[in-house]
Amino acid sequence: MTLGAPATARACANIALVKYWGKRDAALNLPAAGSLSLTLDALTTVTTVRFDGALAADSMRLGGAEASAAVLARTSAWLDGVRALAGTDWRAAIDTVNHFPTASGLASSASGFAALAVAATAAAGLTLDDAACSRLARIGSGSAARSIHGGLVRMHAGTRADGDDAFAVPVEAAADFVASLRMVIAEVGGGAPKTHGSRDAMEHCAATSPLYAGWLASVPGDLANAEAAIARRDLEALGTVTEASALAMHAAAIASRPTILYWQPATLAAMAAVRALRGAGRAAWATMDAGPHVKVLTSSVDADAVAAAMRDVPGVTAVAIARSGPGAELA
């Protein structure tokens, strides 16, 4: 694609089954530990990028409105990396739409920066392989590295100081097993923006929580158990580690001083409903990101029953059933 021609990309958010929480290098956005996620077809971002030599500055529209100064500054700084790769100083016009609530704990930054990475590099005339694109997306948002790929995805934390080995790769898994997975998304509080941004919350948790080191130490075992469960197509084992990882992450966050508490009363009620579903023999395991919403890992067989139970929880304002989604791609 020629520099100056617009490019549009679509990406799906992902939900970590084994959580990402904390960085080993904030400037390069290098994760403190690996993670494992499921890309979801129900949470999509569509982004168009156009570089133009006549523009005096970058511009960005988010959901039809001008992006805030903070969001534009973060995005513009990230675009400097694309400009450096392309050997240009042209500014860019960005138009991006999240087809789900933004900045509320539903991983909009993951789909947002994955779509931006694909669209911006194409608009700049660059051709990157998946690993390079994942690294680029990671610099914008740690979880965006995983949204470059569809299905089950493994993020490698890497060990290199330059972050060259910190990128995501697809997890080898039986196609019918992945196709059978469902994630029921129980939105709490109408999708309002969350009170603690993930970046600041991670840094605060790592610096002040007495439980953070224990959470970090649990990740390698959780990753090994999750990958073994996927290899043997064992949803129960995968669900068990998914729920445990989420609760451990939130325990560390809650123990921060002062606390980082994303949960609302409906969050706790939804988690109780998940336990009741499991007690009744349904496949249902809860996970939560940095926000109040509850996502329930389940199967195609039980998804409708799980969704119905979530709709009955007071304070749950919307429910959706998501399947495994595709990787980021040009639209």
C-alpha atoms as a PDB file:
ATOM      1  CA  MET A   1       0.000   0.000   0.000  1.00  0.00           C
ATOM      2  CA  THR A   2       1.282   3.482  -0.880  1.00  0.00           C
ATOM      3  CA  LEU A   3       1.954   6.049   1.845  1.00  0.00           C
ATOM      4  CA  GLY A   4      -0.999   8.431   1.860  1.00  0.00           C
ATOM      5  CA  ALA A   5      -3.658   5.849   1.037  1.00  0.00           C
ATOM      6  CA  PRO A   6      -6.029   5.089   3.929  1.00  0.00           C
ATOM      7  CA  ALA A   7      -6.103   1.633   5.490  1.00  0.00           C
ATOM      8  CA  THR A   8      -8.836   0.106   7.645  1.00  0.00           C
ATOM      9  CA  ALA A   9      -8.419  -2.817  10.018  1.00  0.00           C
ATOM     10  CA  ARG A  10     -10.669  -4.808  12.297  1.00  0.00           C
ATOM     11  CA  ALA A  11      -9.573  -6.508  15.519  1.00  0.00           C
ATOM     12  CA  CYS A  12     -11.276  -8.364  18.354  1.00  0.00           C
ATOM     13  CA  ALA A  13     -10.646  -7.905  22.048  1.00  0.00           C
ATOM     14  CA  ASN A  14      -9.333 -10.855  24.007  1.00  0.00           C
ATOM     15  CA  ILE A  15      -9.935 -12.006  27.549  1.00  0.00           C
ATOM     16  CA  ALA A  16      -6.981 -13.464  29.430  1.00  0.00           C
ATOM     17  CA  LEU A  17      -7.610 -16.885  30.915  1.00  0.00           C
ATOM     18  CA  VAL A  18      -4.233 -16.750  32.641  1.00  0.00           C
ATOM     19  CA  LYS A  19      -3.886 -13.102  33.566  1.00  0.00           C
ATOM     20  CA  TYR A  20      -1.439 -10.407  32.570  1.00  0.00           C
ATOM     21  CA  TRP A  21      -0.918  -7.959  35.440  1.00  0.00           C
ATOM     22  CA  GLY A  22       2.270  -5.984  35.893  1.00  0.00           C
ATOM     23  CA  LYS A  23       5.265  -4.969  33.818  1.00  0.00           C
ATOM     24  CA  ARG A  24       8.975  -5.640  33.928  1.00  0.00           C
ATOM     25  CA  ASP A  25       9.624  -2.526  31.820  1.00  0.00           C
ATOM     26  CA  ALA A  26       7.012   0.220  31.665  1.00  0.00           C
ATOM     27  CA  ALA A  27       8.626   2.177  28.810  1.00  0.00           C
ATOM     28  CA  LEU A  28       8.582  -0.829  26.444  1.00  0.00           C
ATOM     29  CA  ASN A  29       5.392  -2.246  27.975  1.00  0.00           C
ATOM     30  CA  LEU A  30       7.073  -5.564  28.692  1.00  0.00           C
ATOM     31  CA  PRO A  31       4.916  -7.899  30.808  1.00  0.00           C
ATOM     32  CA  ALA A  32       6.186  -9.195  34.119  1.00  0.00           C
ATOM     33  CA  ALA A  33       4.891 -12.670  33.230  1.00  0.00           C
ATOM     34  CA  GLY A  34       3.358 -14.521  30.320  1.00  0.00           C
ATOM     35  CA  SER A  35      -0.378 -14.872  29.765  1.00  0.00           C
ATOM     36  CA  LEU A  36      -2.910 -16.922  27.802  1.00  0.00           C
ATOM     37  CA  SER A  37      -6.111 -15.598  26.270  1.00  0.00           C
ATOM     38  CA  LEU A  38      -9.155 -16.236  24.110  1.00  0.00           C
ATOM     39  CA  THR A  39      -9.933 -13.761  21.317  1.00  0.00           C
ATOM     40  CA  LEU A  40     -13.663 -12.968  21.229  1.00  0.00           C
ATOM     41  CA  ASP A  41     -15.779 -12.316  18.152  1.00  0.00           C
ATOM     42  CA  ALA A  42     -18.356 -10.197  20.035  1.00  0.00           C
ATOM     43  CA  LEU A  43     -15.932  -7.395  20.979  1.00  0.00           C
ATOM     44  CA  THR A  44     -14.641  -5.627  17.866  1.00  0.00           C
ATOM     45  CA  THR A  45     -12.826  -2.410  16.978  1.00  0.00           C
ATOM     46  CA  VAL A  46     -12.643  -0.933  13.466  1.00  0.00           C
ATOM     47  CA  THR A  47      -9.895   1.622  12.793  1.00  0.00           C
ATOM     48  CA  THR A  48      -8.956   3.680   9.741  1.00  0.00           C
ATOM     49  CA  VAL A  49      -5.580   5.431   9.447  1.00  0.00           C
ATOM     50  CA  ARG A  50      -4.410   7.899   6.808  1.00  0.00           C
ATOM     51  CA  PHE A  51      -0.971   9.533   6.741  1.00  0.00           C
ATOM     52  CA  ASP A  52      -0.915  12.969   5.122  1.00  0.00           C
ATOM     53  CA  GLY A  53       2.044  15.260   4.550  1.00  0.00           C
ATOM     54  CA  ALA A  54      -0.246  18.295   4.776  1.00  0.00           C
ATOM     55  CA  LEU A  55      -1.325  17.578   8.357  1.00  0.00           C
ATOM     56  CA  ALA A  56       0.320  19.691  11.047  1.00  0.00           C
ATOM     57  CA  ALA A  57      -0.470  17.205  13.829  1.00  0.00           C
ATOM     58  CA  ASP A  58      -2.002  13.823  14.427  1.00  0.00           C
ATOM     59  CA  SER A  59      -5.773  13.740  14.920  1.00  0.00           C
ATOM     60  CA  MET A  60      -8.018  11.040  16.317  1.00  0.00           C
ATOM     61  CA  ARG A  61     -11.731  10.440  16.468  1.00  0.00           C
ATOM     62  CA  LEU A  62     -12.930   7.792  18.897  1.00  0.00           C
ATOM     63  CA  GLY A  63     -16.507   6.657  18.530  1.00  0.00           C
ATOM     64  CA  GLY A  64     -17.354   9.682  16.404  1.00  0.00           C
ATOM     65  CA  ALA A  65     -15.977  12.265  18.858  1.00  0.00           C
ATOM     66  CA  GLU A  66     -12.589  13.888  19.184  1.00  0.00           C
ATOM     67  CA  ALA A  67     -10.320  11.802  21.407  1.00  0.00           C
ATOM     68  CA  SER A  68      -9.192  13.345  24.681  1.00  0.00           C
ATOM     69  CA  ALA A  69      -5.840  15.097  24.807  1.00  0.00           C
ATOM     70  CA  ALA A  70      -4.400  12.249  26.899  1.00  0.00           C
ATOM     71  CA  VAL A  71      -5.565   9.531  24.506  1.00  0.00           C
ATOM     72  CA  LEU A  72      -4.308  11.483  21.487  1.00  0.00           C
ATOM     73  CA  ALA A  73      -0.917  12.095  23.125  1.00  0.00           C
ATOM     74  CA  ARG A  74      -0.510   8.383  23.937  1.00  0.00           C
ATOM     75  CA  THR A  75      -1.516   7.384  20.415  1.00  0.00           C
ATOM     76  CA  SER A  76       0.678  10.009  18.761  1.00  0.00           C
ATOM     77  CA  ALA A  77       3.711   8.844  20.735  1.00  0.00           C
ATOM     78  CA  TRP A  78       2.985   5.278  19.631  1.00  0.00           C
ATOM     79  CA  LEU A  79       2.650   6.421  15.999  1.00  0.00           C
ATOM     80  CA  ASP A  80       6.165   7.855  16.210  1.00  0.00           C
ATOM     81  CA  GLY A  81       7.375   4.256  16.228  1.00  0.00           C
ATOM     82  CA  VAL A  82       5.490   3.525  13.011  1.00  0.00           C
ATOM     83  CA  ARG A  83       6.861   6.706  11.433  1.00  0.00           C
ATOM     84  CA  ALA A  84      10.391   5.674  12.394  1.00  0.00           C
ATOM     85  CA  LEU A  85       9.922   2.268  10.752  1.00  0.00           C
ATOM     86  CA  ALA A  86       8.483   3.863   7.604  1.00  0.00           C
ATOM     87  CA  GLY A  87      11.057   6.667   7.419  1.00  0.00           C
ATOM     88  CA  THR A  88       8.442   9.432   7.293  1.00  0.00           C
ATOM     89  CA  ASP A  89       7.433  12.428   9.402  1.00  0.00           C
ATOM     90  CA  TRP A  90       3.884  12.619   8.052  1.00  0.00           C
ATOM     91  CA  ARG A  91       1.158  13.027  10.620  1.00  0.00           C
ATOM     92  CA  ALA A  92      -1.871  10.752  10.662  1.00  0.00           C
ATOM     93  CA  ALA A  93      -5.644  11.033  10.881  1.00  0.00           C
ATOM     94  CA  ILE A  94      -7.240   8.172  12.846  1.00  0.00           C
ATOM     95  CA  ASP A  95     -10.886   7.214  13.043  1.00  0.00           C
ATOM     96  CA  THR A  96     -11.638   4.342  15.406  1.00  0.00           C
ATOM     97  CA  VAL A  97     -14.869   2.801  16.673  1.00  0.00           C
ATOM     98  CA  ASN A  98     -15.216   0.296  19.506  1.00  0.00           C
ATOM     99  CA  HIS A  99     -18.405  -1.706  19.066  1.00  0.00           C
ATOM    100  CA  PHE A 100     -18.611  -2.216  22.849  1.00  0.00           C
ATOM    101  CA  PRO A 101     -17.972   0.008  25.914  1.00  0.00           C
ATOM    102  CA  THR A 102     -14.602   1.764  25.964  1.00  0.00           C
ATOM    103  CA  ALA A 103     -12.178   1.821  28.929  1.00  0.00           C
ATOM    104  CA  SER A 104     -14.570  -0.077  31.204  1.00  0.00           C
ATOM    105  CA  GLY A 105     -12.765  -3.383  31.672  1.00  0.00           C
ATOM    106  CA  LEU A 106     -13.715  -5.142  28.424  1.00  0.00           C
ATOM    107  CA  ALA A 107     -10.237  -4.945  26.846  1.00  0.00           C
ATOM    108  CA  SER A 108     -10.956  -2.127  24.388  1.00  0.00           C
ATOM    109  CA  SER A 109      -7.262  -1.187  24.418  1.00  0.00           C
ATOM    110  CA  ALA A 110      -6.409  -4.705  23.207  1.00  0.00           C
ATOM    111  CA  SER A 111      -8.629  -4.579  20.134  1.00  0.00           C
ATOM    112  CA  GLY A 112      -7.901  -0.860  19.708  1.00  0.00           C
ATOM    113  CA  PHE A 113      -4.128  -1.081  19.464  1.00  0.00           C
ATOM    114  CA  ALA A 114      -4.234  -4.344  17.502  1.00  0.00           C
ATOM    115  CA  ALA A 115      -6.477  -2.723  14.879  1.00  0.00           C
ATOM    116  CA  LEU A 116      -4.305   0.394  14.954  1.00  0.00           C
ATOM    117  CA  ALA A 117      -1.116  -1.635  14.464  1.00  0.00           C
ATOM    118  CA  VAL A 118      -2.506  -3.387  11.390  1.00  0.00           C
ATOM    119  CA  ALA A 119      -4.094  -0.258   9.886  1.00  0.00           C
ATOM    120  CA  ALA A 120      -1.204   2.120  10.633  1.00  0.00           C
ATOM    121  CA  THR A 121       1.524  -0.141   9.277  1.00  0.00           C
ATOM    122  CA  ALA A 122      -0.470  -0.765   6.098  1.00  0.00           C
ATOM    123  CA  ALA A 123      -1.179   2.951   5.679  1.00  0.00           C
ATOM    124  CA  ALA A 124       2.545   3.642   6.152  1.00  0.00           C
ATOM    125  CA  GLY A 125       3.428   1.165   3.415  1.00  0.00           C
ATOM    126  CA  LEU A 126       4.993  -1.343   5.799  1.00  0.00           C
ATOM    127  CA  THR A 127       4.716  -5.125   5.696  1.00  0.00           C
ATOM    128  CA  LEU A 128       5.308  -6.750   9.096  1.00  0.00           C
ATOM    129  CA  ASP A 129       5.145 -10.400  10.062  1.00  0.00           C
ATOM    130  CA  ASP A 130       2.859 -11.449  12.918  1.00  0.00           C
ATOM    131  CA  ALA A 131       5.615 -11.366  15.544  1.00  0.00           C
ATOM    132  CA  ALA A 132       6.663  -7.829  14.604  1.00  0.00           C
ATOM    133  CA  CYS A 133       3.057  -6.671  14.513  1.00  0.00           C
ATOM    134  CA  SER A 134       2.427  -8.237  17.927  1.00  0.00           C
ATOM    135  CA  ARG A 135       5.483  -6.463  19.367  1.00  0.00           C
ATOM    136  CA  LEU A 136       4.296  -3.164  17.914  1.00  0.00           C
ATOM    137  CA  ALA A 137       0.785  -3.598  19.309  1.00  0.00           C
ATOM    138  CA  ARG A 138       2.280  -4.521  22.710  1.00  0.00           C
ATOM    139  CA  ILE A 139       3.989  -1.143  22.980  1.00  0.00           C
ATOM    140  CA  GLY A 140       0.555   0.478  22.797  1.00  0.00           C
ATOM    141  CA  SER A 141      -1.198  -1.982  25.114  1.00  0.00           C
ATOM    142  CA  GLY A 142       0.200  -5.149  26.636  1.00  0.00           C
ATOM    143  CA  SER A 143      -2.943  -7.160  25.914  1.00  0.00           C
ATOM    144  CA  ALA A 144      -3.084  -5.891  22.302  1.00  0.00           C
ATOM    145  CA  ALA A 145      -0.162  -8.164  21.465  1.00  0.00           C
ATOM    146  CA  ARG A 146      -2.537 -11.116  21.859  1.00  0.00           C
ATOM    147  CA  SER A 147      -5.342  -9.640  19.710  1.00  0.00           C
ATOM    148  CA  ILE A 148      -3.143  -9.870  16.622  1.00  0.00           C
ATOM    149  CA  HIS A 149      -4.093 -13.561  16.667  1.00  0.00           C
ATOM    150  CA  GLY A 150      -7.418 -15.344  16.814  1.00  0.00           C
ATOM    151  CA  GLY A 151      -8.516 -18.181  19.068  1.00  0.00           C
ATOM    152  CA  LEU A 152      -6.374 -19.246  22.014  1.00  0.00           C
ATOM    153  CA  VAL A 153      -3.203 -17.168  22.256  1.00  0.00           C
ATOM    154  CA  ARG A 154      -0.047 -17.365  24.398  1.00  0.00           C
ATOM    155  CA  MET A 155       1.876 -14.214  25.252  1.00  0.00           C
ATOM    156  CA  HIS A 156       5.568 -14.690  25.951  1.00  0.00           C
ATOM    157  CA  ALA A 157       6.991 -12.254  28.486  1.00  0.00           C
ATOM    158  CA  GLY A 158      10.462 -12.665  27.043  1.00  0.00           C
ATOM    159  CA  THR A 159      13.786 -12.066  28.752  1.00  0.00           C
ATOM    160  CA  ARG A 160      15.544  -9.598  26.435  1.00  0.00           C
ATOM    161  CA  ALA A 161      15.894  -6.004  27.591  1.00  0.00           C
ATOM    162  CA  ASP A 162      14.843  -4.698  24.178  1.00  0.00           C
ATOM    163  CA  GLY A 163      11.608  -6.728  24.224  1.00  0.00           C
ATOM    164  CA  ASP A 164      12.325  -8.456  20.927  1.00  0.00           C
ATOM    165  CA  ASP A 165      11.199 -11.815  22.348  1.00  0.00           C
ATOM    166  CA  ALA A 166       8.043 -10.459  24.025  1.00  0.00           C
ATOM    167  CA  PHE A 167       5.203 -11.212  21.622  1.00  0.00           C
ATOM    168  CA  ALA A 168       2.165 -13.449  21.256  1.00  0.00           C
ATOM    169  CA  VAL A 169       1.695 -16.656  19.301  1.00  0.00           C
ATOM    170  CA  PRO A 170      -1.327 -18.876  18.612  1.00  0.00           C
ATOM    171  CA  VAL A 171      -1.778 -21.880  20.891  1.00  0.00           C
ATOM    172  CA  GLU A 172      -1.973 -25.207  19.108  1.00  0.00           C
ATOM    173  CA  ALA A 173      -5.375 -26.625  19.925  1.00  0.00           C
ATOM    174  CA  ALA A 174      -7.942 -28.967  18.420  1.00  0.00           C
ATOM    175  CA  ALA A 175     -10.186 -26.922  16.133  1.00  0.00           C
ATOM    176  CA  ASP A 176     -13.386 -28.486  17.447  1.00  0.00           C
ATOM    177  CA  PHE A 177     -12.359 -27.775  21.049  1.00  0.00           C
ATOM    178  CA  VAL A 178     -11.767 -24.086  20.288  1.00  0.00           C
ATOM    179  CA  ALA A 179     -15.016 -23.943  18.307  1.00  0.00           C
ATOM    180  CA  SER A 180     -16.905 -25.299  21.314  1.00  0.00           C
ATOM    181  CA  LEU A 181     -15.675 -22.593  23.686  1.00  0.00           C
ATOM    182  CA  ARG A 182     -17.960 -19.734  24.657  1.00  0.00           C
ATOM    183  CA  MET A 183     -17.480 -16.667  26.823  1.00  0.00           C
ATOM    184  CA  VAL A 184     -20.622 -15.172  28.350  1.00  0.00           C
ATOM    185  CA  ILE A 185     -20.001 -11.466  28.991  1.00  0.00           C
ATOM    186  CA  ALA A 186     -22.045 -10.046  31.865  1.00  0.00           C
ATOM    187  CA  GLU A 187     -21.720  -6.272  31.753  1.00  0.00           C
ATOM    188  CA  VAL A 188     -22.039  -4.549  35.129  1.00  0.00           C
ATOM    189  CA  GLY A 189     -22.930  -0.901  35.630  1.00  0.00           C
ATOM    190  CA  GLY A 190     -23.815  -0.055  32.046  1.00  0.00           C
ATOM    191  CA  GLY A 191     -20.240  -0.096  30.750  1.00  0.00           C
ATOM    192  CA  ALA A 192     -19.223   3.116  32.504  1.00  0.00           C
ATOM    193  CA  PRO A 193     -15.495   3.979  32.419  1.00  0.00           C
ATOM    194  CA  LYS A 194     -13.558   2.331  35.234  1.00  0.00           C
ATOM    195  CA  THR A 195     -12.109   4.319  38.110  1.00  0.00           C
ATOM    196  CA  HIS A 196      -8.558   2.918  37.933  1.00  0.00           C
ATOM    197  CA  GLY A 197      -6.751   2.751  34.584  1.00  0.00           C
ATOM    198  CA  SER A 198      -4.954  -0.555  34.080  1.00  0.00           C
ATOM    199  CA  ARG A 199      -1.472   0.901  33.626  1.00  0.00           C
ATOM    200  CA  ASP A 200      -1.490   2.967  36.808  1.00  0.00           C
ATOM    201  CA  ALA A 201      -3.229   0.174  38.719  1.00  0.00           C
ATOM    202  CA  MET A 202      -0.599  -2.382  37.729  1.00  0.00           C
ATOM    203  CA  GLU A 203       2.241  -0.123  38.842  1.00  0.00           C
ATOM    204  CA  HIS A 204       0.513   0.714  42.129  1.00  0.00           C
ATOM    205  CA  CYS A 205      -0.246  -2.957  42.826  1.00  0.00           C
ATOM    206  CA  ALA A 206       3.320  -4.072  42.097  1.00  0.00           C
ATOM    207  CA  ALA A 207       4.697  -1.318  44.346  1.00  0.00           C
ATOM    208  CA  THR A 208       2.356  -1.651  47.329  1.00  0.00           C
ATOM    209  CA  SER A 209       0.538  -4.994  47.439  1.00  0.00           C
ATOM    210  CA  PRO A 210       2.002  -7.603  49.810  1.00  0.00           C
ATOM    211  CA  LEU A 211       0.324 -10.266  47.658  1.00  0.00           C
ATOM    212  CA  TYR A 212       1.779  -9.205  44.307  1.00  0.00           C
ATOM    213  CA  ALA A 213       4.907 -11.367  44.514  1.00  0.00           C
ATOM    214  CA  GLY A 214       2.795 -14.420  45.311  1.00  0.00           C
ATOM    215  CA  TRP A 215       0.502 -13.739  42.375  1.00  0.00           C
ATOM    216  CA  LEU A 216       3.467 -13.353  40.039  1.00  0.00           C
ATOM    217  CA  ALA A 217       4.951 -16.629  41.281  1.00  0.00           C
ATOM    218  CA  SER A 218       1.682 -18.425  40.487  1.00  0.00           C
ATOM    219  CA  VAL A 219       1.668 -17.541  36.787  1.00  0.00           C
ATOM    220  CA  PRO A 220       4.146 -20.132  35.395  1.00  0.00           C
ATOM    221  CA  GLY A 221       2.221 -23.000  36.985  1.00  0.00           C
ATOM    222  CA  ASP A 222      -1.104 -21.602  35.784  1.00  0.00           C
ATOM    223  CA  LEU A 223       0.245 -21.311  32.245  1.00  0.00           C
ATOM    224  CA  ALA A 224       1.534 -24.883  32.297  1.00  0.00           C
ATOM    225  CA  ASN A 225      -1.780 -26.184  33.645  1.00  0.00           C
ATOM    226  CA  ALA A 226      -3.808 -24.197  31.109  1.00  0.00           C
ATOM    227  CA  GLU A 227      -1.711 -25.389  28.168  1.00  0.00           C
ATOM    228  CA  ALA A 228      -1.934 -29.002  29.381  1.00  0.00           C
ATOM    229  CA  ALA A 229      -5.720 -28.682  29.703  1.00  0.00           C
ATOM    230  CA  ILE A 230      -5.988 -27.326  26.160  1.00  0.00           C
ATOM    231  CA  ALA A 231      -3.816 -30.126  24.816  1.00  0.00           C
ATOM    232  CA  ARG A 232      -6.098 -32.766  26.307  1.00  0.00           C
ATOM    233  CA  ARG A 233      -9.303 -30.791  25.500  1.00  0.00           C
ATOM    234  CA  ASP A 234     -10.228 -30.562  29.168  1.00  0.00           C
ATOM    235  CA  LEU A 235     -12.601 -27.610  29.626  1.00  0.00           C
ATOM    236  CA  GLU A 236     -13.063 -28.228  33.334  1.00  0.00           C
ATOM    237  CA  ALA A 237      -9.337 -28.033  33.998  1.00  0.00           C
ATOM    238  CA  LEU A 238      -9.011 -24.933  31.805  1.00  0.00           C
ATOM    239  CA  GLY A 239     -11.950 -23.301  33.570  1.00  0.00           C
ATOM    240  CA  THR A 240     -10.535 -24.089  37.000  1.00  0.00           C
ATOM    241  CA  VAL A 241      -7.228 -22.367  36.273  1.00  0.00           C
ATOM    242  CA  THR A 242      -9.040 -19.477  34.564  1.00  0.00           C
ATOM    243  CA  GLU A 243     -11.099 -18.664  37.634  1.00  0.00           C
ATOM    244  CA  ALA A 244      -8.168 -19.171  39.996  1.00  0.00           C
ATOM    245  CA  SER A 245      -5.921 -16.852  37.970  1.00  0.00           C
ATOM    246  CA  ALA A 246      -8.524 -14.079  37.955  1.00  0.00           C
ATOM    247  CA  LEU A 247      -9.179 -14.332  41.688  1.00  0.00           C
ATOM    248  CA  ALA A 248      -5.457 -14.321  42.468  1.00  0.00           C
ATOM    249  CA  MET A 249      -4.918 -11.212  40.329  1.00  0.00           C
ATOM    250  CA  HIS A 250      -7.798  -9.372  41.977  1.00  0.00           C
ATOM    251  CA  ALA A 251      -6.657 -10.479  45.443  1.00  0.00           C
ATOM    252  CA  ALA A 252      -3.302  -8.822  44.787  1.00  0.00           C
ATOM    253  CA  ALA A 253      -5.040  -5.693  43.504  1.00  0.00           C
ATOM    254  CA  ILE A 254      -7.434  -5.532  46.463  1.00  0.00           C
ATOM    255  CA  ALA A 255      -4.484  -5.860  48.863  1.00  0.00           C
ATOM    256  CA  SER A 256      -2.825  -2.782  47.335  1.00  0.00           C
ATOM    257  CA  ARG A 257      -2.414   0.176  49.687  1.00  0.00           C
ATOM    258  CA  PRO A 258      -4.697   2.024  49.139  1.00  0.00           C
ATOM    259  CA  THR A 259      -6.838  -0.701  47.610  1.00  0.00           C
ATOM    260  CA  ILE A 260      -7.672  -1.175  43.944  1.00  0.00           C
ATOM    261  CA  LEU A 261     -11.190  -2.570  43.990  1.00  0.00           C
ATOM    262  CA  TYR A 262     -12.962  -2.956  40.654  1.00  0.00           C
ATOM    263  CA  TRP A 263     -15.818  -5.134  41.872  1.00  0.00           C
ATOM    264  CA  GLN A 264     -19.338  -3.866  42.393  1.00  0.00           C
ATOM    265  CA  PRO A 265     -22.141  -5.681  44.270  1.00  0.00           C
ATOM    266  CA  ALA A 266     -23.372  -7.117  40.960  1.00  0.00           C
ATOM    267  CA  THR A 267     -19.871  -8.504  40.309  1.00  0.00           C
ATOM    268  CA  LEU A 268     -20.060 -10.560  43.497  1.00  0.00           C
ATOM    269  CA  ALA A 269     -23.632 -11.610  42.754  1.00  0.00           C
ATOM    270  CA  ALA A 270     -22.633 -12.765  39.269  1.00  0.00           C
ATOM    271  CA  MET A 271     -19.723 -14.761  40.674  1.00  0.00           C
ATOM    272  CA  ALA A 272     -22.093 -16.413  43.146  1.00  0.00           C
ATOM    273  CA  ALA A 273     -24.425 -17.275  40.259  1.00  0.00           C
ATOM    274  CA  VAL A 274     -21.487 -18.873  38.425  1.00  0.00           C
ATOM    275  CA  ARG A 275     -20.722 -21.055  41.439  1.00  0.00           C
ATOM    276  CA  ALA A 276     -24.386 -22.062  41.606  1.00  0.00           C
ATOM    277  CA  LEU A 277     -24.375 -22.968  37.921  1.00  0.00           C
ATOM    278  CA  ARG A 278     -21.306 -25.116  38.424  1.00  0.00           C
ATOM    279  CA  GLY A 279     -22.894 -26.783  41.419  1.00  0.00           C
ATOM    280  CA  ALA A 280     -25.863 -27.651  39.202  1.00  0.00           C
ATOM    281  CA  GLY A 281     -23.578 -29.369  36.709  1.00  0.00           C
ATOM    282  CA  ARG A 282     -23.117 -26.563  34.183  1.00  0.00           C
ATOM    283  CA  ALA A 283     -19.752 -25.716  32.660  1.00  0.00           C
ATOM    284  CA  ALA A 284     -19.154 -22.234  34.113  1.00  0.00           C
ATOM    285  CA  TRP A 285     -16.018 -20.497  35.403  1.00  0.00           C
ATOM    286  CA  ALA A 286     -15.747 -16.767  36.098  1.00  0.00           C
ATOM    287  CA  THR A 287     -12.991 -14.387  35.120  1.00  0.00           C
ATOM    288  CA  MET A 288     -12.699 -10.623  35.546  1.00  0.00           C
ATOM    289  CA  ASP A 289     -10.272  -8.113  34.106  1.00  0.00           C
ATOM    290  CA  ALA A 290      -9.537  -4.621  35.435  1.00  0.00           C
ATOM    291  CA  GLY A 291     -13.196  -3.708  35.715  1.00  0.00           C
ATOM    292  CA  PRO A 292     -16.467  -4.855  37.294  1.00  0.00           C
ATOM    293  CA  HIS A 293     -17.709  -7.084  34.475  1.00  0.00           C
ATOM    294  CA  VAL A 294     -17.857 -10.858  34.829  1.00  0.00           C
ATOM    295  CA  LYS A 295     -16.966 -13.095  31.912  1.00  0.00           C
ATOM    296  CA  VAL A 296     -17.919 -16.733  32.152  1.00  0.00           C
ATOM    297  CA  LEU A 297     -15.947 -19.399  30.321  1.00  0.00           C
ATOM    298  CA  THR A 298     -18.375 -22.085  29.248  1.00  0.00           C
ATOM    299  CA  SER A 299     -19.278 -24.451  26.423  1.00  0.00           C
ATOM    300  CA  SER A 300     -21.584 -24.213  23.434  1.00  0.00           C
ATOM    301  CA  VAL A 301     -23.882 -26.656  25.238  1.00  0.00           C
ATOM    302  CA  ASP A 302     -24.276 -24.530  28.374  1.00  0.00           C
ATOM    303  CA  ALA A 303     -23.863 -21.002  27.012  1.00  0.00           C
ATOM    304  CA  ASP A 304     -27.576 -20.192  26.757  1.00  0.00           C
ATOM    305  CA  ALA A 305     -28.265 -21.370  30.310  1.00  0.00           C
ATOM    306  CA  VAL A 306     -25.303 -19.392  31.639  1.00  0.00           C
ATOM    307  CA  ALA A 307     -26.423 -16.267  29.781  1.00  0.00           C
ATOM    308  CA  ALA A 308     -29.963 -16.624  31.175  1.00  0.00           C
ATOM    309  CA  ALA A 309     -28.589 -16.903  34.702  1.00  0.00           C
ATOM    310  CA  MET A 310     -26.454 -13.786  34.216  1.00  0.00           C
ATOM    311  CA  ARG A 311     -29.469 -11.812  32.978  1.00  0.00           C
ATOM    312  CA  ASP A 312     -31.228 -12.647  36.237  1.00  0.00           C
ATOM    313  CA  VAL A 313     -28.474 -11.056  38.347  1.00  0.00           C
ATOM    314  CA  PRO A 314     -29.524  -7.610  39.644  1.00  0.00           C
ATOM    315  CA  GLY A 315     -27.086  -4.978  38.389  1.00  0.00           C
ATOM    316  CA  VAL A 316     -26.071  -6.880  35.266  1.00  0.00           C
ATOM    317  CA  THR A 317     -27.057  -4.463  32.506  1.00  0.00           C
ATOM    318  CA  ALA A 318     -26.216  -6.427  29.367  1.00  0.00           C
ATOM    319  CA  VAL A 319     -25.269  -9.999  28.464  1.00  0.00           C
ATOM    320  CA  ALA A 320     -23.632 -11.326  25.308  1.00  0.00           C
ATOM    321  CA  ILE A 321     -22.370 -14.718  24.200  1.00  0.00           C
ATOM    322  CA  ALA A 322     -19.020 -14.650  22.415  1.00  0.00           C
ATOM    323  CA  ARG A 323     -17.268 -17.313  20.376  1.00  0.00           C
ATOM    324  CA  SER A 324     -13.612 -17.603  19.484  1.00  0.00           C
ATOM    325  CA  GLY A 325     -12.810 -14.664  17.218  1.00  0.00           C
ATOM    326  CA  PRO A 326     -10.357 -14.079  14.361  1.00  0.00           C
ATOM    327  CA  GLY A 327      -7.049 -12.249  14.471  1.00  0.00           C
ATOM    328  CA  ALA A 328      -6.611  -8.631  13.462  1.00  0.00           C
ATOM    329  CA  GLU A 329      -6.860  -8.068   9.724  1.00  0.00           C
ATOM    330  CA  LEU A 330      -7.327  -5.434   7.064  1.00  0.00           C
ATOM    331  CA  ALA A 331     -10.980  -4.778   6.369  1.00  0.00           C
END
